Amino acid sequence: MKDITKKYTNGEVTVVWKPGICIHSTLCFNGLPEVFHPSRRPWITPESSTTEAVISQVKQCPSGALSYYMNNAPEQNEEVSAESKVEVVKNGPLLVYGNITIKDHTGKETRKSRVTAFCRCGESRNKPYCDGTHIKSGFRD
């Protein structure tokens, strides 16, 4: 899967969306529908709400597909200073919270922080990461 990154700004905050790691939890548009509306293009309009509301909703993203940075600060790769935590999502992915390094079969290492969603259904086209295919495949566990 392509490593696509899209950015949307209201002038004060920029929302970053990485569709390749989105697990389609629907928390974004169910929590702030005036900003997140998947049936329209662009689907994220941060100018439709306050910066504080946008930041609060982006922080609810369980996969890390949504992130943000303040436009007046340099973009940073934020590391979390917390213990690692693993959560099994009913009928969904395995969420790993904290700073981790993933080493693929070729030896390439990828550093992740905050939260990473791993596929449990076996159907993802972006393994080992969840891409939301569990919803279409009817995965139950």
N, C-alpha and C. Protein backbone atom coordinates (compact mmCIF):
# COMPACT_ATOMS: atom_id res chain seq x y z
N MET A 1 0.84 -1.18 0.00
CA MET A 1 0.00 0.00 0.00
C MET A 1 0.89 1.25 0.00
N LYS A 2 0.50 2.26 -0.76
CA LYS A 2 1.27 3.49 -0.82
C LYS A 2 1.27 4.20 0.53
N ASP A 3 2.37 4.88 0.80
CA ASP A 3 2.52 5.64 2.04
C ASP A 3 2.05 7.06 1.77
N ILE A 4 0.74 7.27 1.76
CA ILE A 4 0.14 8.56 1.45
C ILE A 4 -0.05 9.36 2.74
N THR A 5 0.23 10.64 2.68
CA THR A 5 -0.02 11.55 3.79
C THR A 5 -0.73 12.78 3.24
N LYS A 6 -1.85 13.14 3.87
CA LYS A 6 -2.59 14.33 3.46
C LYS A 6 -2.64 15.28 4.64
N LYS A 7 -2.64 16.58 4.34
CA LYS A 7 -2.67 17.60 5.38
C LYS A 7 -3.79 18.60 5.12
N TYR A 8 -4.44 19.01 6.20
CA TYR A 8 -5.56 19.94 6.14
C TYR A 8 -5.36 20.95 7.27
N THR A 9 -5.51 22.25 6.98
CA THR A 9 -5.23 23.25 8.00
C THR A 9 -6.35 24.27 8.13
N ASN A 10 -6.45 24.84 9.31
CA ASN A 10 -7.35 25.98 9.53
C ASN A 10 -6.53 27.25 9.72
N GLY A 11 -5.23 27.17 9.46
CA GLY A 11 -4.33 28.31 9.62
C GLY A 11 -3.59 28.28 10.94
N GLU A 12 -4.19 27.65 11.94
CA GLU A 12 -3.58 27.57 13.27
C GLU A 12 -3.04 26.17 13.57
N VAL A 13 -3.83 25.16 13.17
CA VAL A 13 -3.44 23.77 13.38
C VAL A 13 -3.55 23.03 12.05
N THR A 14 -2.66 22.07 11.83
CA THR A 14 -2.72 21.23 10.64
C THR A 14 -3.01 19.81 11.07
N VAL A 15 -4.05 19.22 10.48
CA VAL A 15 -4.40 17.83 10.72
C VAL A 15 -3.70 17.00 9.65
N VAL A 16 -3.02 15.96 10.09
CA VAL A 16 -2.30 15.06 9.19
C VAL A 16 -3.06 13.73 9.17
N TRP A 17 -3.37 13.25 7.96
CA TRP A 17 -4.08 11.98 7.81
C TRP A 17 -3.23 11.02 7.00
N LYS A 18 -3.02 9.82 7.54
CA LYS A 18 -2.29 8.76 6.85
C LYS A 18 -3.27 7.62 6.61
N PRO A 19 -3.91 7.60 5.42
CA PRO A 19 -4.95 6.60 5.17
C PRO A 19 -4.46 5.16 5.22
N GLY A 20 -3.18 4.92 5.01
CA GLY A 20 -2.65 3.56 5.03
C GLY A 20 -2.70 2.91 6.39
N ILE A 21 -2.81 3.71 7.46
CA ILE A 21 -2.88 3.12 8.79
C ILE A 21 -4.24 3.33 9.45
N CYS A 22 -5.18 3.92 8.71
CA CYS A 22 -6.53 4.15 9.24
C CYS A 22 -7.25 2.82 9.40
N ILE A 23 -7.89 2.61 10.56
CA ILE A 23 -8.65 1.39 10.80
C ILE A 23 -10.15 1.64 10.70
N HIS A 24 -10.54 2.82 10.29
CA HIS A 24 -11.95 3.16 10.04
C HIS A 24 -12.81 2.94 11.28
N SER A 25 -12.33 3.44 12.41
CA SER A 25 -13.07 3.31 13.66
C SER A 25 -14.31 4.20 13.68
N THR A 26 -14.37 5.20 12.85
CA THR A 26 -15.45 6.19 12.72
C THR A 26 -15.52 7.16 13.90
N LEU A 27 -14.57 7.09 14.83
CA LEU A 27 -14.58 8.01 15.96
C LEU A 27 -14.46 9.46 15.52
N CYS A 28 -13.70 9.72 14.47
CA CYS A 28 -13.48 11.10 14.03
C CYS A 28 -14.78 11.76 13.59
N PHE A 29 -15.48 11.13 12.64
CA PHE A 29 -16.68 11.81 12.14
C PHE A 29 -17.88 11.63 13.04
N ASN A 30 -17.88 10.63 13.90
CA ASN A 30 -18.96 10.53 14.88
C ASN A 30 -18.76 11.52 16.01
N GLY A 31 -17.51 11.88 16.30
CA GLY A 31 -17.21 12.80 17.39
C GLY A 31 -17.20 14.26 17.00
N LEU A 32 -16.89 14.57 15.75
CA LEU A 32 -16.83 15.96 15.29
C LEU A 32 -17.25 16.02 13.82
N PRO A 33 -18.53 15.79 13.55
CA PRO A 33 -19.00 15.68 12.16
C PRO A 33 -18.88 16.97 11.35
N GLU A 34 -18.78 18.12 12.01
CA GLU A 34 -18.62 19.36 11.23
C GLU A 34 -17.23 19.48 10.62
N VAL A 35 -16.28 18.70 11.11
CA VAL A 35 -14.91 18.73 10.59
C VAL A 35 -14.60 17.49 9.75
N PHE A 36 -15.08 16.34 10.19
CA PHE A 36 -14.78 15.07 9.52
C PHE A 36 -16.04 14.53 8.85
N HIS A 37 -16.04 14.52 7.51
CA HIS A 37 -17.21 14.05 6.76
C HIS A 37 -16.70 13.24 5.57
N PRO A 38 -16.67 11.90 5.74
CA PRO A 38 -16.03 11.02 4.75
C PRO A 38 -16.67 10.99 3.37
N SER A 39 -17.90 11.46 3.23
CA SER A 39 -18.55 11.41 1.92
C SER A 39 -18.25 12.65 1.07
N ARG A 40 -17.52 13.62 1.62
CA ARG A 40 -17.19 14.83 0.86
C ARG A 40 -15.70 14.93 0.62
N ARG A 41 -15.32 15.78 -0.32
CA ARG A 41 -13.91 16.06 -0.60
C ARG A 41 -13.71 17.56 -0.54
N PRO A 42 -12.78 18.10 0.22
CA PRO A 42 -11.95 17.34 1.14
C PRO A 42 -12.78 16.81 2.30
N TRP A 43 -12.38 15.69 2.86
CA TRP A 43 -13.19 15.07 3.91
C TRP A 43 -12.89 15.65 5.29
N ILE A 44 -11.78 16.39 5.41
CA ILE A 44 -11.44 17.05 6.67
C ILE A 44 -11.43 18.55 6.43
N THR A 45 -12.24 19.28 7.19
CA THR A 45 -12.30 20.74 7.09
C THR A 45 -12.11 21.34 8.49
N PRO A 46 -10.87 21.47 8.94
CA PRO A 46 -10.61 21.95 10.30
C PRO A 46 -11.07 23.38 10.54
N GLU A 47 -11.30 24.13 9.48
CA GLU A 47 -11.78 25.50 9.64
C GLU A 47 -13.25 25.54 10.09
N SER A 48 -13.91 24.39 10.13
CA SER A 48 -15.33 24.33 10.50
C SER A 48 -15.56 24.22 12.00
N SER A 49 -14.48 24.26 12.80
CA SER A 49 -14.62 24.18 14.25
C SER A 49 -13.43 24.90 14.88
N THR A 50 -13.39 24.87 16.20
CA THR A 50 -12.29 25.52 16.90
C THR A 50 -11.05 24.63 16.87
N THR A 51 -9.90 25.26 16.98
CA THR A 51 -8.65 24.52 17.03
C THR A 51 -8.65 23.54 18.18
N GLU A 52 -9.16 23.95 19.34
CA GLU A 52 -9.19 23.08 20.52
C GLU A 52 -10.05 21.85 20.27
N ALA A 53 -11.20 22.01 19.63
CA ALA A 53 -12.08 20.88 19.34
C ALA A 53 -11.43 19.92 18.34
N VAL A 54 -10.75 20.46 17.34
CA VAL A 54 -10.07 19.64 16.34
C VAL A 54 -8.98 18.81 17.02
N ILE A 55 -8.15 19.45 17.83
CA ILE A 55 -7.07 18.75 18.53
C ILE A 55 -7.63 17.66 19.43
N SER A 56 -8.65 17.99 20.18
CA SER A 56 -9.27 17.01 21.08
C SER A 56 -9.77 15.79 20.33
N GLN A 57 -10.40 16.01 19.17
CA GLN A 57 -10.94 14.89 18.40
C GLN A 57 -9.83 14.07 17.75
N VAL A 58 -8.82 14.72 17.23
CA VAL A 58 -7.70 14.01 16.61
C VAL A 58 -7.02 13.10 17.64
N LYS A 59 -6.93 13.54 18.88
CA LYS A 59 -6.32 12.73 19.94
C LYS A 59 -7.12 11.46 20.23
N GLN A 60 -8.37 11.39 19.79
CA GLN A 60 -9.21 10.20 20.01
C GLN A 60 -8.95 9.11 18.99
N CYS A 61 -8.20 9.41 17.93
CA CYS A 61 -7.95 8.44 16.86
C CYS A 61 -7.18 7.24 17.41
N PRO A 62 -7.76 6.04 17.36
CA PRO A 62 -7.10 4.89 17.97
C PRO A 62 -5.93 4.31 17.17
N SER A 63 -5.84 4.63 15.90
CA SER A 63 -4.79 4.04 15.06
C SER A 63 -3.58 4.94 14.87
N GLY A 64 -3.73 6.22 15.16
CA GLY A 64 -2.66 7.16 14.87
C GLY A 64 -2.69 7.65 13.44
N ALA A 65 -3.73 7.27 12.68
CA ALA A 65 -3.84 7.73 11.30
C ALA A 65 -4.06 9.24 11.25
N LEU A 66 -4.68 9.79 12.28
CA LEU A 66 -4.84 11.23 12.40
C LEU A 66 -3.86 11.75 13.44
N SER A 67 -3.17 12.80 13.10
CA SER A 67 -2.30 13.49 14.04
C SER A 67 -2.40 14.97 13.72
N TYR A 68 -1.70 15.79 14.46
CA TYR A 68 -1.76 17.24 14.21
C TYR A 68 -0.45 17.89 14.63
N TYR A 69 -0.26 19.08 14.14
CA TYR A 69 0.81 19.93 14.64
C TYR A 69 0.34 21.37 14.55
N MET A 70 0.88 22.18 15.44
CA MET A 70 0.56 23.60 15.44
C MET A 70 1.40 24.27 14.37
N ASN A 71 0.79 25.13 13.59
CA ASN A 71 1.48 25.75 12.46
C ASN A 71 2.61 26.68 12.88
N ASN A 72 2.55 27.22 14.10
CA ASN A 72 3.60 28.13 14.55
C ASN A 72 4.77 27.39 15.21
N ALA A 73 4.71 26.05 15.23
CA ALA A 73 5.80 25.25 15.80
C ALA A 73 6.32 24.31 14.72
N PRO A 74 7.60 23.98 14.76
CA PRO A 74 8.12 23.04 13.76
C PRO A 74 7.48 21.67 13.93
N GLU A 75 7.22 20.97 12.81
CA GLU A 75 6.64 19.64 12.85
C GLU A 75 7.63 18.70 13.53
N GLN A 76 7.12 17.93 14.49
CA GLN A 76 7.98 17.05 15.25
C GLN A 76 7.42 15.64 15.25
N ASN A 77 8.28 14.68 15.45
CA ASN A 77 7.86 13.30 15.64
C ASN A 77 7.78 13.09 17.15
N GLU A 78 6.58 13.29 17.71
CA GLU A 78 6.37 13.27 19.14
C GLU A 78 6.51 11.86 19.71
N GLU A 79 7.36 11.73 20.72
CA GLU A 79 7.49 10.45 21.41
C GLU A 79 6.72 10.53 22.71
N VAL A 80 6.18 9.42 23.10
CA VAL A 80 5.39 9.33 24.31
C VAL A 80 6.29 8.83 25.43
N SER A 81 6.21 9.46 26.58
CA SER A 81 7.00 8.98 27.71
C SER A 81 6.07 8.23 28.66
N ALA A 82 5.78 6.99 28.29
CA ALA A 82 4.89 6.16 29.09
C ALA A 82 5.26 4.70 28.87
N GLU A 83 4.77 3.87 29.77
CA GLU A 83 4.96 2.44 29.58
C GLU A 83 4.17 1.98 28.37
N SER A 84 4.61 0.89 27.76
CA SER A 84 3.86 0.32 26.65
C SER A 84 2.60 -0.35 27.18
N LYS A 85 1.56 -0.32 26.37
CA LYS A 85 0.28 -0.94 26.73
C LYS A 85 -0.27 -1.60 25.48
N VAL A 86 -0.83 -2.80 25.62
CA VAL A 86 -1.43 -3.53 24.51
C VAL A 86 -2.91 -3.71 24.80
N GLU A 87 -3.74 -3.39 23.81
CA GLU A 87 -5.19 -3.52 23.96
C GLU A 87 -5.76 -4.31 22.78
N VAL A 88 -6.54 -5.34 23.08
CA VAL A 88 -7.22 -6.10 22.06
C VAL A 88 -8.59 -5.46 21.86
N VAL A 89 -8.86 -4.96 20.65
CA VAL A 89 -10.14 -4.33 20.34
C VAL A 89 -11.11 -5.41 19.88
N LYS A 90 -12.26 -5.48 20.51
CA LYS A 90 -13.27 -6.48 20.13
C LYS A 90 -13.58 -6.35 18.64
N ASN A 91 -13.47 -7.46 17.92
CA ASN A 91 -13.74 -7.51 16.48
C ASN A 91 -12.85 -6.57 15.67
N GLY A 92 -11.69 -6.24 16.22
CA GLY A 92 -10.82 -5.28 15.54
C GLY A 92 -9.35 -5.57 15.78
N PRO A 93 -8.54 -4.53 15.68
CA PRO A 93 -7.08 -4.71 15.72
C PRO A 93 -6.53 -4.86 17.12
N LEU A 94 -5.25 -5.10 17.16
CA LEU A 94 -4.47 -5.10 18.38
C LEU A 94 -3.81 -3.73 18.44
N LEU A 95 -4.12 -2.94 19.47
CA LEU A 95 -3.54 -1.61 19.61
C LEU A 95 -2.37 -1.67 20.57
N VAL A 96 -1.24 -1.13 20.14
CA VAL A 96 -0.05 -1.07 20.99
C VAL A 96 0.25 0.41 21.22
N TYR A 97 0.20 0.84 22.48
CA TYR A 97 0.44 2.22 22.86
C TYR A 97 1.88 2.37 23.34
N GLY A 98 2.53 3.46 22.97
CA GLY A 98 3.88 3.73 23.42
C GLY A 98 4.87 3.74 22.27
N ASN A 99 6.12 3.92 22.61
CA ASN A 99 7.19 3.97 21.62
C ASN A 99 7.64 2.55 21.31
N ILE A 100 7.56 2.16 20.05
CA ILE A 100 7.99 0.81 19.65
C ILE A 100 8.75 0.87 18.33
N THR A 101 9.51 -0.17 18.07
CA THR A 101 10.21 -0.33 16.80
C THR A 101 9.73 -1.63 16.19
N ILE A 102 9.29 -1.59 14.94
CA ILE A 102 8.82 -2.76 14.22
C ILE A 102 9.89 -3.13 13.20
N LYS A 103 10.32 -4.38 13.24
CA LYS A 103 11.32 -4.86 12.29
C LYS A 103 10.64 -5.83 11.34
N ASP A 104 10.66 -5.52 10.02
CA ASP A 104 9.99 -6.38 9.05
C ASP A 104 10.89 -7.54 8.63
N HIS A 105 10.36 -8.40 7.75
CA HIS A 105 11.07 -9.60 7.33
C HIS A 105 12.37 -9.33 6.57
N THR A 106 12.52 -8.10 6.07
CA THR A 106 13.76 -7.75 5.37
C THR A 106 14.78 -7.12 6.31
N GLY A 107 14.37 -6.88 7.56
CA GLY A 107 15.26 -6.25 8.53
C GLY A 107 15.06 -4.75 8.65
N LYS A 108 14.19 -4.19 7.82
CA LYS A 108 13.91 -2.75 7.89
C LYS A 108 13.16 -2.44 9.18
N GLU A 109 13.62 -1.42 9.88
CA GLU A 109 12.98 -1.02 11.13
C GLU A 109 12.21 0.27 10.94
N THR A 110 11.03 0.32 11.56
CA THR A 110 10.17 1.49 11.54
C THR A 110 9.85 1.86 12.98
N ARG A 111 10.08 3.11 13.33
CA ARG A 111 9.82 3.61 14.68
C ARG A 111 8.41 4.18 14.73
N LYS A 112 7.64 3.78 15.74
CA LYS A 112 6.28 4.28 15.93
C LYS A 112 6.16 4.84 17.34
N SER A 113 5.31 5.84 17.50
CA SER A 113 5.03 6.39 18.82
C SER A 113 3.53 6.60 18.94
N ARG A 114 3.08 6.83 20.13
CA ARG A 114 1.65 6.99 20.47
C ARG A 114 0.94 5.67 20.38
N VAL A 115 0.27 5.36 19.26
CA VAL A 115 -0.49 4.12 19.16
C VAL A 115 -0.30 3.51 17.77
N THR A 116 -0.17 2.19 17.72
CA THR A 116 -0.01 1.46 16.46
C THR A 116 -1.05 0.35 16.44
N ALA A 117 -1.79 0.23 15.33
CA ALA A 117 -2.83 -0.79 15.19
C ALA A 117 -2.30 -1.93 14.33
N PHE A 118 -2.27 -3.12 14.91
CA PHE A 118 -1.82 -4.31 14.20
C PHE A 118 -3.01 -5.17 13.79
N CYS A 119 -2.94 -5.75 12.60
CA CYS A 119 -4.00 -6.60 12.06
C CYS A 119 -4.15 -7.87 12.89
N ARG A 120 -5.40 -8.24 13.21
CA ARG A 120 -5.68 -9.53 13.85
C ARG A 120 -6.48 -10.44 12.93
N CYS A 121 -7.11 -9.88 11.91
CA CYS A 121 -8.00 -10.69 11.05
C CYS A 121 -7.24 -11.44 9.96
N GLY A 122 -6.02 -10.98 9.64
CA GLY A 122 -5.23 -11.61 8.60
C GLY A 122 -5.55 -11.13 7.19
N GLU A 123 -6.47 -10.20 7.04
CA GLU A 123 -6.92 -9.75 5.73
C GLU A 123 -6.34 -8.40 5.29
N SER A 124 -5.63 -7.71 6.16
CA SER A 124 -5.09 -6.39 5.83
C SER A 124 -4.19 -6.45 4.60
N ARG A 125 -4.27 -5.41 3.78
CA ARG A 125 -3.38 -5.27 2.63
C ARG A 125 -2.15 -4.46 3.03
N ASN A 126 -2.04 -4.14 4.32
CA ASN A 126 -0.93 -3.33 4.82
C ASN A 126 -0.30 -4.00 6.04
N LYS A 127 -0.20 -5.33 6.00
CA LYS A 127 0.33 -6.08 7.14
C LYS A 127 1.74 -5.63 7.49
N PRO A 128 2.09 -5.58 8.75
CA PRO A 128 1.36 -6.10 9.89
C PRO A 128 0.32 -5.15 10.44
N TYR A 129 0.13 -4.01 9.78
CA TYR A 129 -0.77 -2.99 10.30
C TYR A 129 -2.21 -3.21 9.85
N CYS A 130 -3.13 -2.78 10.67
CA CYS A 130 -4.55 -2.87 10.35
C CYS A 130 -4.90 -1.78 9.34
N ASP A 131 -5.71 -2.13 8.33
CA ASP A 131 -6.19 -1.13 7.37
C ASP A 131 -7.72 -1.05 7.37
N GLY A 132 -8.35 -1.66 8.36
CA GLY A 132 -9.82 -1.62 8.46
C GLY A 132 -10.54 -2.71 7.71
N THR A 133 -9.81 -3.62 7.05
CA THR A 133 -10.44 -4.67 6.26
C THR A 133 -11.28 -5.60 7.14
N HIS A 134 -10.99 -5.66 8.44
CA HIS A 134 -11.76 -6.53 9.34
C HIS A 134 -13.25 -6.19 9.32
N ILE A 135 -13.58 -4.96 9.03
CA ILE A 135 -14.99 -4.54 8.99
C ILE A 135 -15.67 -5.20 7.80
N LYS A 136 -15.06 -5.12 6.61
CA LYS A 136 -15.64 -5.72 5.40
C LYS A 136 -15.63 -7.24 5.44
N SER A 137 -14.61 -7.83 6.07
CA SER A 137 -14.50 -9.29 6.08
C SER A 137 -15.37 -9.94 7.16
N GLY A 138 -15.95 -9.12 8.04
CA GLY A 138 -16.81 -9.66 9.09
C GLY A 138 -16.06 -10.34 10.20
N PHE A 139 -14.80 -9.96 10.44
CA PHE A 139 -13.99 -10.57 11.49
C PHE A 139 -14.67 -10.43 12.84
N ARG A 140 -14.74 -11.51 13.58
CA ARG A 140 -15.33 -11.51 14.92
C ARG A 140 -14.39 -12.24 15.87
N ASP A 141 -14.06 -11.58 16.97
CA ASP A 141 -13.26 -12.22 18.01
C ASP A 141 -13.24 -11.34 19.23
